[in-house]
Each structure stands twice: as C-alpha cells, then as structure tokens.
C-alpha cells in the first residue's frame, strides 16, 4: 500500500513538473465594440453556431491531443484531459427572466421569452491556441473579445464574427434614447409654451394648432415603447422589424393624429374665412 502511494505521488510530481516546465506563451486579446443590434433568435443561432465551428476548427490540434489523453491511462493523461476540454455557457435575458444554457444552442424546453434584451456567450479552453471567446450584448454596451496564443486565428475569428453581427446593426442604445427624447421634449415644450403664449397674448387663435399638436406630441412621446424601438440590443422570436411588431400601436397613434387634424383643420379654415 505504501509503495502504491509513493508511485502515485511520484507520478503526480512528474506530471506537475512536466506541466510547469513548459514556458507559457503570451496571450493576445482582440476586443471589438459593437453597434446596436437587432435580430431574431434564428439569426443569433446561426452566428453562435459559426462561432463554435470557428473555435473548434482553430483548436482541432488541441482536440486531438485531448482525445489521446482521454484514451491514456496515466495520471498525467487524466490531468491533461481534464484541462483540455472546452466549456461553453450561453445566458439569455436579464433579471428574473434570465436563462443559462450549457453549450451554444437555444434549447427548445428552455422557455425563452419572445423577446430578450441581453445575451452573453462564453467559450473557454485554457490549453487551446484560441483559449477564450466572450460575446456580451446588452442595451448599454456590446463587445466581442477573442483571446489566444495563435494571433492569426484570433484576428480571423474576431473579424468574421464582427462582420456577421454588424449586418444586424440598428439605431439604438441608452444614449440614443436619451438624446432623442431629450431633444424632442425640449422642442415640444418650447413649441407649447411660446405657441400658447402667442395665441393668448396676440389673440391669434388660428395658430392654436401649434400648442395643441405640441401637447399631443408630448403625450404620445411617453406612450410609445421607445426602450424597445431603440434598444441597444434585442432578440425576437419572430419579425425583428419594430414597424411590423408595433403595427397596432402605430395605427393607434395615426388614429389620434387623424382625429386631432379633423377637428383643427375645419376650425382653422373657418377662422380664415371669417
């Protein structure tokens, strides 16, 4: 028994010394910031499949060594096999609706909602030439990061995925919403204030439509789903176009504007002809 323990200890020390003897190669990381993105789950699945395929192709030599380690019976082989297996994690959604999936495929029984506004995909394999890929897509920030010792492979994978993701770019993000809403509110408030003051002080009632339209615009501005329409990142089960998905809301806004115009225009023409 003591002899067996000594042999196991010796094997473990030999494995550790062999591993520590290898001088680690420098790691290269390429990080890219991404624009606002809007796509369907099917579009995202194609990109995730491509990412996994590119990583597997770049690390095929490491996979070959891992298989050889799996078939070996030595302690060092078992240790190498445990270190040479990739890990993939996919997280969809935020808060109470967040779902974590092992791998890179949207599971059919994962009960993913019809819309998601955050996605995180992580691939890691410490001993591989391309050791890490991180894709983090959210409303306020989106980035793609690839790390490894094989510089050419890191650059190629990063460029390929960045190009595919950029095909789904859209106008959105918290900065866009803040600037858009802020500028629109300022313009409508100024129009409402000065328009109403001019009409009442100068008795120019034919210009009353200006403050009325400004007030209606302010009300509609806070009724519209701007966080969804101008989301920094959004995944949808069906159609990704907000015009198609919000056709009822757009129709309702159009109806309100039509009613307001039908009341103001005849009244304005009556004032003009009087």
Protein backbone atom coordinates (compact mmCIF):
# COMPACT_ATOMS: atom_id res chain seq x y z
CA UNK A 1 0.00 0.00 0.00
CA UNK A 2 2.82 2.41 0.91
CA UNK A 3 4.62 1.51 -2.31
CA UNK A 4 1.48 2.26 -4.36
CA UNK A 5 1.09 5.64 -2.66
CA UNK A 6 4.70 6.50 -3.37
CA UNK A 7 4.27 5.57 -7.04
CA UNK A 8 1.13 7.71 -7.33
CA UNK A 9 2.86 10.62 -5.61
CA UNK A 10 5.86 10.27 -7.92
CA UNK A 11 3.63 10.23 -10.99
CA UNK A 12 1.81 13.31 -9.77
CA UNK A 13 5.10 15.15 -9.17
CA UNK A 14 6.36 14.16 -12.61
CA UNK A 15 3.15 15.39 -14.24
CA UNK A 16 3.34 18.67 -12.34
CA UNK A 17 6.97 19.19 -13.22
CA UNK A 18 6.34 18.49 -16.90
CA UNK A 19 3.46 20.94 -16.97
CA UNK A 20 5.33 23.67 -15.15
CA UNK A 21 8.43 23.16 -17.28
CA UNK A 22 6.60 24.32 -20.39
CA UNK A 23 7.02 28.06 -20.68
CA UNK A 24 3.61 29.70 -21.19
CA UNK A 25 3.16 31.56 -24.48
CA UNK A 26 1.93 35.16 -24.43
CA UNK A 27 -1.81 35.60 -24.80
CA UNK A 28 -3.20 38.01 -27.40
CA UNK A 29 -6.65 39.54 -26.92
CA UNK A 30 -8.68 41.33 -29.57
CA UNK A 31 -11.72 43.24 -28.30
CA UNK A 32 -14.24 44.96 -30.54
CA UNK A 33 -17.10 47.25 -29.56
CA UNK A 34 -20.28 46.51 -31.49
CA UNK A 35 -23.07 48.81 -32.66
CA UNK A 36 -26.69 48.50 -31.57
CA UNK A 37 -28.02 45.15 -32.81
CA UNK A 38 -31.49 43.88 -33.64
CA UNK A 39 -32.08 40.32 -34.85
CA UNK A 40 -34.14 37.18 -34.44
CA UNK A 41 -33.23 34.13 -32.37
CA UNK A 42 -32.66 32.25 -35.63
CA UNK A 43 -30.15 34.88 -36.78
CA UNK A 44 -28.35 34.70 -33.44
CA UNK A 45 -28.26 30.90 -33.55
CA UNK A 46 -26.51 30.99 -36.93
CA UNK A 47 -23.83 33.30 -35.51
CA UNK A 48 -23.36 31.18 -32.37
CA UNK A 49 -23.03 28.04 -34.49
CA UNK A 50 -20.42 29.78 -36.61
CA UNK A 51 -18.51 30.93 -33.52
CA UNK A 52 -18.42 27.39 -32.13
CA UNK A 53 -17.37 25.99 -35.51
CA UNK A 54 -14.56 28.53 -35.89
CA UNK A 55 -13.28 27.84 -32.38
CA UNK A 56 -13.40 24.08 -32.95
CA UNK A 57 -11.53 24.43 -36.23
CA UNK A 58 -8.86 26.65 -34.65
CA UNK A 59 -8.41 24.21 -31.77
CA UNK A 60 -8.55 20.94 -33.69
CA UNK A 61 -4.98 20.04 -32.74
CA UNK A 62 -5.81 20.60 -29.08
CA UNK A 63 -8.90 18.41 -29.51
CA UNK A 64 -6.71 15.67 -31.00
CA UNK A 65 -4.38 15.78 -28.01
CA UNK A 66 -7.37 15.76 -25.67
CA UNK A 67 -8.67 12.58 -27.29
CA UNK A 68 -5.26 10.99 -26.93
CA UNK A 69 -5.20 11.99 -23.26
CA UNK A 70 -8.67 10.50 -22.80
CA UNK A 71 -7.51 7.19 -24.20
CA UNK A 72 -4.40 7.16 -21.96
CA UNK A 73 -4.36 5.50 -18.57
CA UNK A 74 -1.65 7.52 -16.81
CA UNK A 75 -2.23 10.14 -14.16
CA UNK A 76 -0.71 12.80 -16.37
CA UNK A 77 -3.06 11.83 -19.23
CA UNK A 78 -6.09 12.16 -16.98
CA UNK A 79 -4.90 15.53 -15.74
CA UNK A 80 -4.34 16.77 -19.30
CA UNK A 81 -7.77 15.58 -20.37
CA UNK A 82 -9.42 17.49 -17.54
CA UNK A 83 -7.60 20.65 -18.67
CA UNK A 84 -8.20 20.14 -22.40
CA UNK A 85 -11.96 20.20 -22.68
CA UNK A 86 -13.81 23.35 -23.78
CA UNK A 87 -16.53 24.98 -21.70
CA UNK A 88 -19.44 26.83 -23.28
CA UNK A 89 -22.07 28.88 -21.48
CA UNK A 90 -24.96 30.80 -23.02
CA UNK A 91 -27.03 33.25 -20.96
CA UNK A 92 -30.15 34.89 -22.38
CA UNK A 93 -32.20 37.67 -20.80
CA UNK A 94 -31.80 39.64 -17.59
CA UNK A 95 -33.23 39.65 -14.09
CA UNK A 96 -35.93 37.11 -13.27
CA UNK A 97 -36.20 36.09 -16.94
CA UNK A 98 -32.51 35.13 -17.27
CA UNK A 99 -31.86 31.64 -18.59
CA UNK A 100 -28.47 29.90 -18.58
CA UNK A 101 -27.82 27.14 -21.10
CA UNK A 102 -24.85 24.78 -21.33
CA UNK A 103 -23.46 24.93 -24.85
CA UNK A 104 -24.35 27.40 -27.59
CA UNK A 105 -27.77 26.23 -28.76
CA UNK A 106 -31.11 27.69 -27.73
CA UNK A 107 -32.85 24.80 -26.04
CA UNK A 108 -36.42 24.03 -27.09
CA UNK A 109 -37.52 23.41 -23.49
CA UNK A 110 -35.77 26.46 -22.02
CA UNK A 111 -38.96 28.59 -22.16
CA UNK A 112 -37.19 31.55 -23.74
CA UNK A 113 -39.45 34.58 -23.97
CA UNK A 114 -40.49 36.08 -27.31
CA UNK A 115 -38.07 38.97 -26.77
CA UNK A 116 -34.73 39.20 -24.96
CA UNK A 117 -32.61 42.28 -24.41
CA UNK A 118 -29.36 40.71 -23.21
CA UNK A 119 -27.18 37.79 -24.30
CA UNK A 120 -23.84 36.52 -23.08
CA UNK A 121 -21.86 33.67 -24.67
CA UNK A 122 -18.60 32.36 -23.23
CA UNK A 123 -16.20 29.77 -24.67
CA UNK A 124 -13.08 28.86 -22.70
CA UNK A 125 -10.35 26.24 -23.18
CA UNK A 126 -7.23 27.10 -21.22
CA UNK A 127 -4.80 24.85 -23.14
CA UNK A 128 -6.05 25.66 -26.65
CA UNK A 129 -4.44 28.03 -29.20
CA UNK A 130 -7.63 30.15 -29.09
CA UNK A 131 -8.44 29.91 -25.41
CA UNK A 132 -11.38 32.25 -24.89
CA UNK A 133 -14.26 33.89 -26.71
CA UNK A 134 -16.65 36.24 -24.95
CA UNK A 135 -19.70 37.81 -26.56
CA UNK A 136 -21.60 40.22 -24.30
CA UNK A 137 -24.59 42.01 -25.84
CA UNK A 138 -26.69 44.42 -23.77
CA UNK A 139 -28.64 47.63 -24.10
CA UNK A 140 -25.88 49.89 -22.81
CA UNK A 141 -22.77 48.08 -24.16
CA UNK A 142 -21.88 45.36 -26.64
CA UNK A 143 -18.46 43.81 -27.18
CA UNK A 144 -16.75 40.79 -28.69
CA UNK A 145 -13.48 39.54 -27.23
CA UNK A 146 -11.26 36.71 -28.51
CA UNK A 147 -8.09 35.55 -26.72
CA UNK A 148 -5.38 33.07 -27.60
CA UNK A 149 -1.76 32.42 -28.45
CA UNK A 150 -2.49 31.98 -32.17
CA UNK A 151 -2.65 35.64 -33.22
CA UNK A 152 -3.78 34.97 -36.80
CA UNK A 153 -6.62 32.74 -35.66
CA UNK A 154 -7.73 35.25 -33.02
CA UNK A 155 -7.85 38.05 -35.58
CA UNK A 156 -9.64 35.93 -38.18
CA UNK A 157 -12.33 34.70 -35.77
CA UNK A 158 -12.89 38.17 -34.36
CA UNK A 159 -13.19 39.75 -37.83
CA UNK A 160 -15.57 37.06 -39.11
CA UNK A 161 -17.96 37.31 -36.16
CA UNK A 162 -17.79 41.10 -36.05
CA UNK A 163 -18.76 41.24 -39.72
CA UNK A 164 -21.72 38.89 -39.27
CA UNK A 165 -23.01 40.75 -36.21
CA UNK A 166 -22.66 44.16 -37.86
CA UNK A 167 -25.03 43.05 -40.61
CA UNK A 168 -27.81 43.33 -38.00
CA UNK A 169 -26.86 46.81 -36.79
CA UNK A 170 -29.63 49.23 -35.87
CA UNK A 171 -30.14 52.66 -34.33
CA UNK A 172 -30.49 52.30 -30.57
CA UNK A 173 -28.95 52.30 -27.14
CA UNK A 174 -29.46 54.29 -23.98
CA UNK A 175 -27.51 57.28 -25.33
CA UNK A 176 -29.64 57.43 -28.48
CA UNK A 177 -32.87 57.27 -26.49
CA UNK A 178 -31.70 59.89 -24.02
CA UNK A 179 -30.61 62.32 -26.74
CA UNK A 180 -33.69 61.70 -28.86
CA UNK A 181 -36.20 62.03 -26.04
CA UNK A 182 -34.38 64.99 -24.50
CA UNK A 183 -34.21 66.95 -27.76
CA UNK A 184 -37.83 66.14 -28.65
CA UNK A 185 -39.11 67.15 -25.21
CA UNK A 186 -37.24 70.46 -25.35
CA UNK A 187 -38.61 71.26 -28.83
CA UNK A 188 -42.19 70.31 -27.93
CA UNK A 189 -42.11 72.21 -24.63
CA UNK A 190 -40.79 75.34 -26.35
CA UNK A 191 -43.41 75.00 -29.06
CA UNK A 192 -46.17 74.52 -26.50
CA UNK A 193 -45.06 77.42 -24.31
CA UNK A 194 -44.38 80.02 -26.99
CA UNK A 195 -47.27 78.87 -29.18
CA UNK A 196 -49.82 79.13 -26.36
CA UNK A 197 -48.41 82.46 -25.17
CA UNK A 198 -48.57 83.92 -28.68
CA UNK A 199 -52.13 82.75 -29.25
CA UNK A 200 -53.47 84.15 -25.96
CA UNK A 201 -51.49 87.37 -25.85
CA UNK A 202 -51.92 88.33 -29.50
CA UNK A 203 -55.39 86.78 -29.88
CA UNK A 204 -54.17 84.84 -32.93
CA UNK A 205 -56.43 81.85 -32.47
CA UNK A 206 -55.70 80.44 -35.91
CA UNK A 207 -52.27 79.37 -34.58
CA UNK A 208 -53.81 77.40 -31.72
CA UNK A 209 -52.97 74.17 -33.53
CA UNK A 210 -49.28 74.62 -32.68
CA UNK A 211 -49.63 74.22 -28.87
CA UNK A 212 -52.28 71.54 -29.33
CA UNK A 213 -50.03 69.47 -31.57
CA UNK A 214 -47.14 70.01 -29.14
CA UNK A 215 -49.23 68.75 -26.21
CA UNK A 216 -50.39 65.69 -28.18
CA UNK A 217 -46.77 65.02 -29.18
CA UNK A 218 -45.61 65.10 -25.55
CA UNK A 219 -48.33 62.66 -24.53
CA UNK A 220 -47.56 60.26 -27.38
CA UNK A 221 -43.82 60.51 -26.71
CA UNK A 222 -44.21 58.87 -23.30
CA UNK A 223 -46.76 56.34 -24.59
CA UNK A 224 -44.52 54.91 -27.29
CA UNK A 225 -42.28 51.87 -26.42
CA UNK A 226 -39.05 53.75 -27.08
CA UNK A 227 -36.95 51.35 -24.98
CA UNK A 228 -37.90 48.55 -27.33
CA UNK A 229 -37.91 50.54 -30.56
CA UNK A 230 -34.44 51.98 -29.83
CA UNK A 231 -33.00 49.09 -27.82
CA UNK A 232 -29.22 48.75 -27.87
CA UNK A 233 -29.66 45.00 -28.28
CA UNK A 234 -32.80 42.97 -28.92
CA UNK A 235 -33.59 39.39 -29.88
CA UNK A 236 -37.05 38.48 -31.16
CA UNK A 237 -38.82 35.22 -31.72
CA UNK A 238 -40.49 36.43 -34.92
CA UNK A 239 -40.10 39.53 -37.05
CA UNK A 240 -37.27 41.81 -35.90
CA UNK A 241 -38.68 44.95 -37.53
CA UNK A 242 -40.39 47.20 -34.97
CA UNK A 243 -42.74 48.52 -37.69
CA UNK A 244 -44.25 45.06 -38.10
CA UNK A 245 -44.35 44.24 -34.39
CA UNK A 246 -45.88 47.56 -33.37
CA UNK A 247 -48.35 47.94 -36.20
CA UNK A 248 -51.34 48.20 -33.76
CA UNK A 249 -49.64 50.94 -31.71
CA UNK A 250 -48.63 52.82 -34.84
CA UNK A 251 -52.20 52.57 -36.10
CA UNK A 252 -53.50 53.94 -32.79
CA UNK A 253 -51.13 56.92 -32.95
CA UNK A 254 -52.17 57.56 -36.52
CA UNK A 255 -55.83 57.48 -35.47
CA UNK A 256 -55.21 60.05 -32.71
CA UNK A 257 -53.41 62.36 -35.12
CA UNK A 258 -56.19 61.97 -37.68
CA UNK A 259 -58.85 62.88 -35.11
CA UNK A 260 -56.90 65.94 -33.98
CA UNK A 261 -56.41 67.08 -37.57
CA UNK A 262 -60.08 66.53 -38.41
CA UNK A 263 -61.02 68.87 -35.56
CA UNK A 264 -58.39 71.55 -36.04
CA UNK A 265 -58.30 71.92 -39.83
CA UNK A 266 -62.05 72.76 -40.29
CA UNK A 267 -61.86 75.11 -37.31
CA UNK A 268 -58.76 76.81 -38.75
CA UNK A 269 -60.36 77.23 -42.19
CA UNK A 270 -63.45 78.69 -40.56
CA UNK A 271 -61.32 81.27 -38.77
CA UNK A 272 -59.54 82.11 -42.01
CA UNK A 273 -62.75 82.67 -43.97
CA UNK A 274 -64.39 84.72 -41.16
